[in-house]
Amino acid sequence: MVTTNGAPVVAMEFVLEDISLLRVTWEAREGLLLQCGFHPGPYAACLCVVMVPPPLMAQWHRQVSLTGSWITVALPRNLRKRIAQGLDETFEEITEADYRDVREHINILFRIEACIQP
């Protein structure tokens, strides 16, 4: 892709720096899984909510998305990695549709008017 002045456009990825994640016990994860009806999308969003300190959730409102976009910054890599690890440990198989659902549910977290903590 080239700009109007002929200079090439370089795709840049803006990612938040790693954060200290809150610990989630196995029992709490099982409770979240039950609460989310054993669906990867809602479960991933719940994991995100319980691992991110509440002040950061509020600060990130309308500023971040799972992988970033033209108008948002991507979640920290360590958070994305931990969510992916939680999904891998919990679900035997995750389809492409499941991954789209995960992205949609996490992105919705940061678009809603109030980030509600469980």
Protein backbone atom coordinates (compact mmCIF):
# COMPACT_ATOMS: atom_id res chain seq x y z
CA MET A 1 0.00 0.00 0.00
CA VAL A 2 1.24 3.51 -0.83
CA THR A 3 0.21 6.91 0.53
CA THR A 4 -0.72 9.89 -1.66
CA ASN A 5 2.86 11.19 -1.48
CA GLY A 6 4.21 7.86 -2.75
CA ALA A 7 5.66 6.70 0.57
CA PRO A 8 4.94 3.09 1.54
CA VAL A 9 2.55 2.49 4.41
CA VAL A 10 3.98 0.27 7.11
CA ALA A 11 1.51 -1.69 9.20
CA MET A 12 2.35 -1.16 12.86
CA GLU A 13 1.01 -3.09 15.78
CA PHE A 14 0.44 -1.15 18.96
CA VAL A 15 0.31 -3.44 21.99
CA LEU A 16 -0.01 -2.51 25.64
CA GLU A 17 2.93 -3.48 27.81
CA ASP A 18 2.64 -6.62 29.92
CA ILE A 19 0.80 -6.18 33.21
CA SER A 20 0.66 -8.01 36.51
CA LEU A 21 -2.24 -10.41 36.16
CA LEU A 22 -4.46 -11.33 39.09
CA ARG A 23 -4.33 -15.01 40.00
CA VAL A 24 -7.33 -17.19 39.26
CA THR A 25 -7.64 -20.46 41.15
CA TRP A 26 -8.65 -23.67 39.42
CA GLU A 27 -11.87 -23.66 41.45
CA ALA A 28 -12.67 -20.13 40.30
CA ARG A 29 -11.98 -21.10 36.69
CA GLU A 30 -14.34 -24.08 37.02
CA GLY A 31 -17.00 -21.74 38.39
CA LEU A 32 -16.51 -19.35 35.47
CA LEU A 33 -16.74 -22.21 33.01
CA LEU A 34 -20.04 -23.34 34.53
CA GLN A 35 -21.33 -19.75 34.63
CA CYS A 36 -20.44 -19.33 30.92
CA GLY A 37 -22.22 -22.50 29.86
CA PHE A 38 -18.99 -24.17 28.73
CA HIS A 39 -18.66 -21.75 25.76
CA PRO A 40 -15.15 -20.49 24.86
CA GLY A 41 -16.16 -16.90 23.99
CA PRO A 42 -17.90 -15.98 27.23
CA TYR A 43 -15.32 -17.99 29.22
CA ALA A 44 -12.41 -16.06 27.66
CA ALA A 45 -14.14 -12.75 28.45
CA CYS A 46 -14.72 -13.85 32.05
CA LEU A 47 -11.06 -14.85 32.38
CA CYS A 48 -10.07 -11.42 31.11
CA VAL A 49 -12.31 -9.68 33.64
CA VAL A 50 -10.98 -11.62 36.62
CA MET A 51 -7.29 -11.42 35.63
CA VAL A 52 -7.12 -7.68 34.90
CA PRO A 53 -7.10 -5.30 37.88
CA PRO A 54 -10.35 -3.27 37.93
CA PRO A 55 -8.64 0.14 37.52
CA LEU A 56 -7.04 -1.07 34.28
CA MET A 57 -10.35 -2.45 32.99
CA ALA A 58 -11.86 1.00 33.49
CA GLN A 59 -8.86 2.77 31.95
CA TRP A 60 -8.92 0.53 28.87
CA HIS A 61 -12.62 1.21 28.19
CA ARG A 62 -13.01 2.05 24.47
CA GLN A 63 -9.20 2.11 24.11
CA VAL A 64 -8.27 -1.55 23.58
CA SER A 65 -9.34 -4.68 21.74
CA LEU A 66 -8.03 -8.23 21.69
CA THR A 67 -5.63 -7.78 18.78
CA GLY A 68 -5.79 -4.03 18.17
CA SER A 69 -7.21 -2.08 15.24
CA TRP A 70 -6.88 1.31 13.57
CA ILE A 71 -8.49 2.95 16.60
CA THR A 72 -7.59 0.60 19.48
CA VAL A 73 -4.47 -0.83 21.07
CA ALA A 74 -4.03 -4.59 21.48
CA LEU A 75 -4.28 -6.16 24.91
CA PRO A 76 -0.93 -6.97 26.55
CA ARG A 77 0.73 -10.06 25.12
CA ASN A 78 0.95 -11.77 28.51
CA LEU A 79 -2.82 -11.39 28.96
CA ARG A 80 -3.57 -12.72 25.48
CA LYS A 81 -1.18 -15.61 26.07
CA ARG A 82 -2.76 -16.45 29.44
CA ILE A 83 -6.28 -16.38 27.98
CA ALA A 84 -5.16 -18.67 25.14
CA GLN A 85 -3.51 -21.00 27.65
CA GLY A 86 -6.69 -21.10 29.73
CA LEU A 87 -8.71 -22.00 26.64
CA ASP A 88 -6.24 -24.72 25.63
CA GLU A 89 -6.29 -26.21 29.13
CA THR A 90 -10.08 -26.15 29.28
CA PHE A 91 -11.36 -27.12 25.84
CA GLU A 92 -10.37 -30.22 23.89
CA GLU A 93 -11.02 -28.57 20.55
CA ILE A 94 -11.53 -24.94 19.58
CA THR A 95 -12.83 -24.15 16.10
CA GLU A 96 -12.30 -21.03 13.99
CA ALA A 97 -15.84 -20.01 14.89
CA ASP A 98 -14.92 -20.36 18.58
CA TYR A 99 -11.89 -18.09 18.08
CA ARG A 100 -14.07 -15.47 16.37
CA ASP A 101 -16.49 -15.73 19.30
CA VAL A 102 -13.61 -15.28 21.76
CA ARG A 103 -12.47 -12.14 19.93
CA GLU A 104 -16.01 -10.77 19.80
CA HIS A 105 -16.71 -11.37 23.50
CA ILE A 106 -13.43 -9.84 24.65
CA ASN A 107 -13.85 -6.82 22.39
CA ILE A 108 -17.38 -6.31 23.72
CA LEU A 109 -15.94 -6.06 27.24
CA PHE A 110 -14.23 -2.83 26.35
CA ARG A 111 -17.06 -1.32 24.29
CA ILE A 112 -19.81 -1.53 26.92
CA GLU A 113 -20.66 1.51 29.04
CA ALA A 114 -19.62 -0.05 32.35
CA CYS A 115 -17.16 -2.84 32.95
CA ILE A 116 -18.86 -5.00 35.57
CA GLN A 117 -16.72 -7.08 37.91
CA PRO A 118 -18.19 -10.42 39.06
